[in-house]
């Protein structure tokens, strides 16, 4: 992690020097090999470190993780970013990485996190369904009027939520919304 008392820089799961150089110390290498940081996140981390000088607001937050699905990358950050800052970061990351990037403010509350991922679509409900074998499924009901936006990427959204929250996910469309 970041060293130095009172250092005001974006917090990362790996050392900044390792991220910037691409040469990882034993501690960072262990995090990568242990799955704490996925190899697919390394380009995002490197780009964020480079963007810190240009985007001064990055110094106040924390990187949580990123997930790549198809040509989209979802980057999760926390600690008080303004909506305009998130939008600027999305634009800069998309430009630098050559892929569509969606920056989402991470929330420990799974409902709030899911609402941000699906925004502007409206969530009609979220239920945990327990199956006879003891496993569970997170059932997310989306408003019928938002079906046209979500349905083409339904499988991708289900995989994203499952990766972030750790529960198998199913998206359905509400008949009444």
C-alpha atoms as a PDB file:
ATOM      1  CA  UNK A   1       0.000   0.000   0.000  1.00  0.00           C
ATOM      2  CA  UNK A   2       1.017   3.634   0.074  1.00  0.00           C
ATOM      3  CA  UNK A   3       3.636   4.583   2.607  1.00  0.00           C
ATOM      4  CA  UNK A   4       4.102   7.895   4.298  1.00  0.00           C
ATOM      5  CA  UNK A   5       2.021   9.514   6.982  1.00  0.00           C
ATOM      6  CA  UNK A   6      -0.479  11.966   5.588  1.00  0.00           C
ATOM      7  CA  UNK A   7       0.302  11.155   1.961  1.00  0.00           C
ATOM      8  CA  UNK A   8      -2.485  12.609  -0.128  1.00  0.00           C
ATOM      9  CA  UNK A   9      -2.532  10.373  -3.168  1.00  0.00           C
ATOM     10  CA  UNK A  10      -4.954   7.888  -4.655  1.00  0.00           C
ATOM     11  CA  UNK A  11      -4.663   4.669  -2.689  1.00  0.00           C
ATOM     12  CA  UNK A  12      -3.881   1.502  -4.633  1.00  0.00           C
ATOM     13  CA  UNK A  13      -3.668  -2.178  -3.696  1.00  0.00           C
ATOM     14  CA  UNK A  14      -0.086  -2.254  -5.054  1.00  0.00           C
ATOM     15  CA  UNK A  15       2.889   0.077  -4.540  1.00  0.00           C
ATOM     16  CA  UNK A  16       2.890   3.071  -6.894  1.00  0.00           C
ATOM     17  CA  UNK A  17       6.505   2.452  -7.943  1.00  0.00           C
ATOM     18  CA  UNK A  18       5.682  -1.136  -8.909  1.00  0.00           C
ATOM     19  CA  UNK A  19       2.575  -0.041 -10.834  1.00  0.00           C
ATOM     20  CA  UNK A  20       4.436   2.686 -12.711  1.00  0.00           C
ATOM     21  CA  UNK A  21       7.464   0.567 -13.594  1.00  0.00           C
ATOM     22  CA  UNK A  22       5.652  -2.703 -14.295  1.00  0.00           C
ATOM     23  CA  UNK A  23       8.292  -4.487 -12.215  1.00  0.00           C
ATOM     24  CA  UNK A  24       6.684  -5.852  -9.058  1.00  0.00           C
ATOM     25  CA  UNK A  25       8.337  -6.298  -5.672  1.00  0.00           C
ATOM     26  CA  UNK A  26       7.782  -9.650  -3.917  1.00  0.00           C
ATOM     27  CA  UNK A  27       4.913  -8.189  -1.848  1.00  0.00           C
ATOM     28  CA  UNK A  28       3.038  -6.865  -4.916  1.00  0.00           C
ATOM     29  CA  UNK A  29       3.830  -9.986  -6.948  1.00  0.00           C
ATOM     30  CA  UNK A  30       2.274 -12.080  -4.182  1.00  0.00           C
ATOM     31  CA  UNK A  31      -0.922  -9.979  -4.357  1.00  0.00           C
ATOM     32  CA  UNK A  32      -1.108 -10.534  -8.117  1.00  0.00           C
ATOM     33  CA  UNK A  33      -0.406 -14.268  -7.920  1.00  0.00           C
ATOM     34  CA  UNK A  34      -2.797 -14.645  -4.974  1.00  0.00           C
ATOM     35  CA  UNK A  35      -5.649 -13.026  -6.899  1.00  0.00           C
ATOM     36  CA  UNK A  36      -5.955  -9.938  -4.684  1.00  0.00           C
ATOM     37  CA  UNK A  37      -5.234  -7.935  -7.840  1.00  0.00           C
ATOM     38  CA  UNK A  38      -6.179  -9.464 -11.182  1.00  0.00           C
ATOM     39  CA  UNK A  39      -3.649  -9.178 -14.028  1.00  0.00           C
ATOM     40  CA  UNK A  40      -6.375  -7.496 -16.113  1.00  0.00           C
ATOM     41  CA  UNK A  41      -6.326  -4.574 -13.635  1.00  0.00           C
ATOM     42  CA  UNK A  42      -2.665  -3.689 -14.169  1.00  0.00           C
ATOM     43  CA  UNK A  43      -3.264  -1.467 -17.244  1.00  0.00           C
ATOM     44  CA  UNK A  44      -6.005   0.435 -15.385  1.00  0.00           C
ATOM     45  CA  UNK A  45      -3.753   0.918 -12.359  1.00  0.00           C
ATOM     46  CA  UNK A  46      -0.857   2.132 -14.517  1.00  0.00           C
ATOM     47  CA  UNK A  47      -3.138   4.575 -16.349  1.00  0.00           C
ATOM     48  CA  UNK A  48      -4.519   5.936 -13.065  1.00  0.00           C
ATOM     49  CA  UNK A  49      -1.007   6.573 -11.753  1.00  0.00           C
ATOM     50  CA  UNK A  50      -0.143   8.441 -14.961  1.00  0.00           C
ATOM     51  CA  UNK A  51      -3.376  10.483 -14.808  1.00  0.00           C
ATOM     52  CA  UNK A  52      -2.766  11.630 -11.207  1.00  0.00           C
ATOM     53  CA  UNK A  53      -0.708  14.635 -12.343  1.00  0.00           C
ATOM     54  CA  UNK A  54      -3.380  15.744 -14.812  1.00  0.00           C
ATOM     55  CA  UNK A  55      -6.448  14.996 -12.665  1.00  0.00           C
ATOM     56  CA  UNK A  56      -5.673  16.506  -9.266  1.00  0.00           C
ATOM     57  CA  UNK A  57      -8.948  15.221  -7.745  1.00  0.00           C
ATOM     58  CA  UNK A  58      -7.584  11.648  -7.945  1.00  0.00           C
ATOM     59  CA  UNK A  59      -5.411  12.404  -4.942  1.00  0.00           C
ATOM     60  CA  UNK A  60      -8.355  12.197  -2.540  1.00  0.00           C
ATOM     61  CA  UNK A  61      -9.755   8.752  -3.223  1.00  0.00           C
ATOM     62  CA  UNK A  62      -9.128   5.051  -3.250  1.00  0.00           C
ATOM     63  CA  UNK A  63      -9.074   2.525  -6.066  1.00  0.00           C
ATOM     64  CA  UNK A  64     -11.132  -0.558  -5.176  1.00  0.00           C
ATOM     65  CA  UNK A  65     -10.910  -2.740  -8.280  1.00  0.00           C
ATOM     66  CA  UNK A  66     -11.713  -2.943 -11.962  1.00  0.00           C
ATOM     67  CA  UNK A  67     -13.483  -5.596 -13.976  1.00  0.00           C
ATOM     68  CA  UNK A  68     -13.231  -6.023 -17.735  1.00  0.00           C
ATOM     69  CA  UNK A  69     -16.177  -7.600 -19.541  1.00  0.00           C
ATOM     70  CA  UNK A  70     -16.007  -7.707 -23.345  1.00  0.00           C
ATOM     71  CA  UNK A  71     -14.860  -4.244 -24.439  1.00  0.00           C
ATOM     72  CA  UNK A  72     -16.124  -2.481 -21.314  1.00  0.00           C
ATOM     73  CA  UNK A  73     -14.119  -1.808 -18.177  1.00  0.00           C
ATOM     74  CA  UNK A  74     -15.832  -1.024 -14.892  1.00  0.00           C
ATOM     75  CA  UNK A  75     -13.598   0.844 -12.452  1.00  0.00           C
ATOM     76  CA  UNK A  76     -14.687   1.034  -8.820  1.00  0.00           C
ATOM     77  CA  UNK A  77     -13.371   3.873  -6.641  1.00  0.00           C
ATOM     78  CA  UNK A  78     -14.400   5.275  -3.284  1.00  0.00           C
ATOM     79  CA  UNK A  79     -14.046   8.171  -0.879  1.00  0.00           C
ATOM     80  CA  UNK A  80     -15.987  11.162  -2.047  1.00  0.00           C
ATOM     81  CA  UNK A  81     -15.640  11.806  -5.749  1.00  0.00           C
ATOM     82  CA  UNK A  82     -18.072  14.296  -7.264  1.00  0.00           C
ATOM     83  CA  UNK A  83     -20.233  13.158 -10.226  1.00  0.00           C
ATOM     84  CA  UNK A  84     -18.377  15.564 -12.564  1.00  0.00           C
ATOM     85  CA  UNK A  85     -15.041  14.101 -11.429  1.00  0.00           C
ATOM     86  CA  UNK A  86     -16.248  10.551 -12.093  1.00  0.00           C
ATOM     87  CA  UNK A  87     -17.388  11.627 -15.561  1.00  0.00           C
ATOM     88  CA  UNK A  88     -14.013  13.256 -16.299  1.00  0.00           C
ATOM     89  CA  UNK A  89     -12.212  10.144 -15.081  1.00  0.00           C
ATOM     90  CA  UNK A  90     -14.408   7.931 -17.307  1.00  0.00           C
ATOM     91  CA  UNK A  91     -13.562  10.075 -20.329  1.00  0.00           C
ATOM     92  CA  UNK A  92      -9.806  10.126 -19.641  1.00  0.00           C
ATOM     93  CA  UNK A  93      -9.584   6.393 -18.884  1.00  0.00           C
ATOM     94  CA  UNK A  94     -11.626   5.550 -22.006  1.00  0.00           C
ATOM     95  CA  UNK A  95      -9.322   7.697 -24.136  1.00  0.00           C
ATOM     96  CA  UNK A  96      -6.126   6.260 -22.640  1.00  0.00           C
ATOM     97  CA  UNK A  97      -7.221   2.600 -22.592  1.00  0.00           C
ATOM     98  CA  UNK A  98      -9.079   2.641 -25.932  1.00  0.00           C
ATOM     99  CA  UNK A  99     -12.140   0.973 -24.394  1.00  0.00           C
ATOM    100  CA  UNK A 100     -15.418   2.135 -22.922  1.00  0.00           C
ATOM    101  CA  UNK A 101     -14.816   2.768 -19.220  1.00  0.00           C
ATOM    102  CA  UNK A 102     -17.516   3.191 -16.608  1.00  0.00           C
ATOM    103  CA  UNK A 103     -16.359   4.586 -13.254  1.00  0.00           C
ATOM    104  CA  UNK A 104     -18.600   3.646 -10.339  1.00  0.00           C
ATOM    105  CA  UNK A 105     -18.352   4.884  -6.773  1.00  0.00           C
ATOM    106  CA  UNK A 106     -18.040   1.726  -4.693  1.00  0.00           C
ATOM    107  CA  UNK A 107     -20.510   1.332  -1.854  1.00  0.00           C
ATOM    108  CA  UNK A 108     -20.486  -1.444   0.761  1.00  0.00           C
ATOM    109  CA  UNK A 109     -24.293  -1.458   0.552  1.00  0.00           C
ATOM    110  CA  UNK A 110     -24.988  -3.860  -2.340  1.00  0.00           C
ATOM    111  CA  UNK A 111     -28.287  -2.170  -3.294  1.00  0.00           C
ATOM    112  CA  UNK A 112     -26.646   1.238  -3.683  1.00  0.00           C
ATOM    113  CA  UNK A 113     -23.772  -0.304  -5.646  1.00  0.00           C
ATOM    114  CA  UNK A 114     -26.188  -2.114  -7.990  1.00  0.00           C
ATOM    115  CA  UNK A 115     -28.212   1.073  -8.515  1.00  0.00           C
ATOM    116  CA  UNK A 116     -25.039   2.906  -9.561  1.00  0.00           C
ATOM    117  CA  UNK A 117     -24.019   0.151 -11.971  1.00  0.00           C
ATOM    118  CA  UNK A 118     -27.413   0.190 -13.685  1.00  0.00           C
ATOM    119  CA  UNK A 119     -27.940   3.964 -13.597  1.00  0.00           C
ATOM    120  CA  UNK A 120     -30.001   5.478 -15.253  1.00  0.00           C
ATOM    121  CA  UNK A 121     -32.117   2.292 -15.350  1.00  0.00           C
ATOM    122  CA  UNK A 122     -34.479   1.927 -12.417  1.00  0.00           C
ATOM    123  CA  UNK A 123     -34.214  -1.003 -10.027  1.00  0.00           C
ATOM    124  CA  UNK A 124     -37.681  -2.352  -9.163  1.00  0.00           C
ATOM    125  CA  UNK A 125     -36.338  -4.707  -6.490  1.00  0.00           C
ATOM    126  CA  UNK A 126     -33.467  -6.844  -5.283  1.00  0.00           C
ATOM    127  CA  UNK A 127     -34.058 -10.174  -3.558  1.00  0.00           C
ATOM    128  CA  UNK A 128     -31.796 -12.940  -2.314  1.00  0.00           C
ATOM    129  CA  UNK A 129     -33.275 -16.291  -3.252  1.00  0.00           C
ATOM    130  CA  UNK A 130     -32.072 -19.300  -1.241  1.00  0.00           C
ATOM    131  CA  UNK A 131     -31.980 -22.553  -3.190  1.00  0.00           C
ATOM    132  CA  UNK A 132     -32.568 -26.030  -1.722  1.00  0.00           C
ATOM    133  CA  UNK A 133     -28.875 -26.886  -2.089  1.00  0.00           C
ATOM    134  CA  UNK A 134     -27.972 -24.021   0.280  1.00  0.00           C
ATOM    135  CA  UNK A 135     -26.683 -21.666  -2.416  1.00  0.00           C
ATOM    136  CA  UNK A 136     -28.233 -18.306  -3.151  1.00  0.00           C
ATOM    137  CA  UNK A 137     -29.043 -16.180  -6.167  1.00  0.00           C
ATOM    138  CA  UNK A 138     -29.329 -12.413  -6.202  1.00  0.00           C
ATOM    139  CA  UNK A 139     -32.453 -11.606  -8.226  1.00  0.00           C
ATOM    140  CA  UNK A 140     -32.423  -8.056  -9.615  1.00  0.00           C
ATOM    141  CA  UNK A 141     -35.692  -6.787 -11.053  1.00  0.00           C
ATOM    142  CA  UNK A 142     -35.347  -3.966 -13.563  1.00  0.00           C
ATOM    143  CA  UNK A 143     -38.175  -1.658 -14.577  1.00  0.00           C
ATOM    144  CA  UNK A 144     -39.842  -2.828 -17.790  1.00  0.00           C
ATOM    145  CA  UNK A 145     -39.287   0.539 -19.475  1.00  0.00           C
ATOM    146  CA  UNK A 146     -35.503   0.086 -19.105  1.00  0.00           C
ATOM    147  CA  UNK A 147     -35.486  -3.389 -20.649  1.00  0.00           C
ATOM    148  CA  UNK A 148     -34.269  -2.136 -24.044  1.00  0.00           C
ATOM    149  CA  UNK A 149     -31.101  -0.690 -22.441  1.00  0.00           C
ATOM    150  CA  UNK A 150     -30.262  -3.601 -20.169  1.00  0.00           C
ATOM    151  CA  UNK A 151     -31.354  -6.713 -22.081  1.00  0.00           C
ATOM    152  CA  UNK A 152     -28.663  -6.599 -24.823  1.00  0.00           C
ATOM    153  CA  UNK A 153     -25.989  -6.728 -22.090  1.00  0.00           C
ATOM    154  CA  UNK A 154     -27.914  -8.776 -19.522  1.00  0.00           C
ATOM    155  CA  UNK A 155     -25.320 -11.589 -19.304  1.00  0.00           C
ATOM    156  CA  UNK A 156     -22.504  -9.065 -18.971  1.00  0.00           C
ATOM    157  CA  UNK A 157     -24.288  -7.260 -16.117  1.00  0.00           C
ATOM    158  CA  UNK A 158     -24.960 -10.569 -14.353  1.00  0.00           C
ATOM    159  CA  UNK A 159     -21.266 -11.515 -14.538  1.00  0.00           C
ATOM    160  CA  UNK A 160     -20.216  -8.054 -13.343  1.00  0.00           C
ATOM    161  CA  UNK A 161     -22.491  -8.112 -10.285  1.00  0.00           C
ATOM    162  CA  UNK A 162     -21.418 -11.678  -9.499  1.00  0.00           C
ATOM    163  CA  UNK A 163     -17.720 -10.665  -9.652  1.00  0.00           C
ATOM    164  CA  UNK A 164     -18.200  -7.598  -7.465  1.00  0.00           C
ATOM    165  CA  UNK A 165     -20.639  -8.936  -4.863  1.00  0.00           C
ATOM    166  CA  UNK A 166     -19.710 -12.617  -5.028  1.00  0.00           C
ATOM    167  CA  UNK A 167     -23.227 -14.002  -5.448  1.00  0.00           C
ATOM    168  CA  UNK A 168     -24.669 -15.642  -8.564  1.00  0.00           C
ATOM    169  CA  UNK A 169     -26.959 -13.061 -10.135  1.00  0.00           C
ATOM    170  CA  UNK A 170     -30.088 -13.186 -12.270  1.00  0.00           C
ATOM    171  CA  UNK A 171     -31.663 -10.154 -13.905  1.00  0.00           C
ATOM    172  CA  UNK A 172     -35.385 -10.136 -14.608  1.00  0.00           C
ATOM    173  CA  UNK A 173     -37.674  -7.426 -15.901  1.00  0.00           C
ATOM    174  CA  UNK A 174     -40.573  -6.210 -13.791  1.00  0.00           C
ATOM    175  CA  UNK A 175     -43.974  -6.499 -15.447  1.00  0.00           C
ATOM    176  CA  UNK A 176     -45.380  -3.441 -13.692  1.00  0.00           C
ATOM    177  CA  UNK A 177     -42.650  -0.788 -13.933  1.00  0.00           C
END
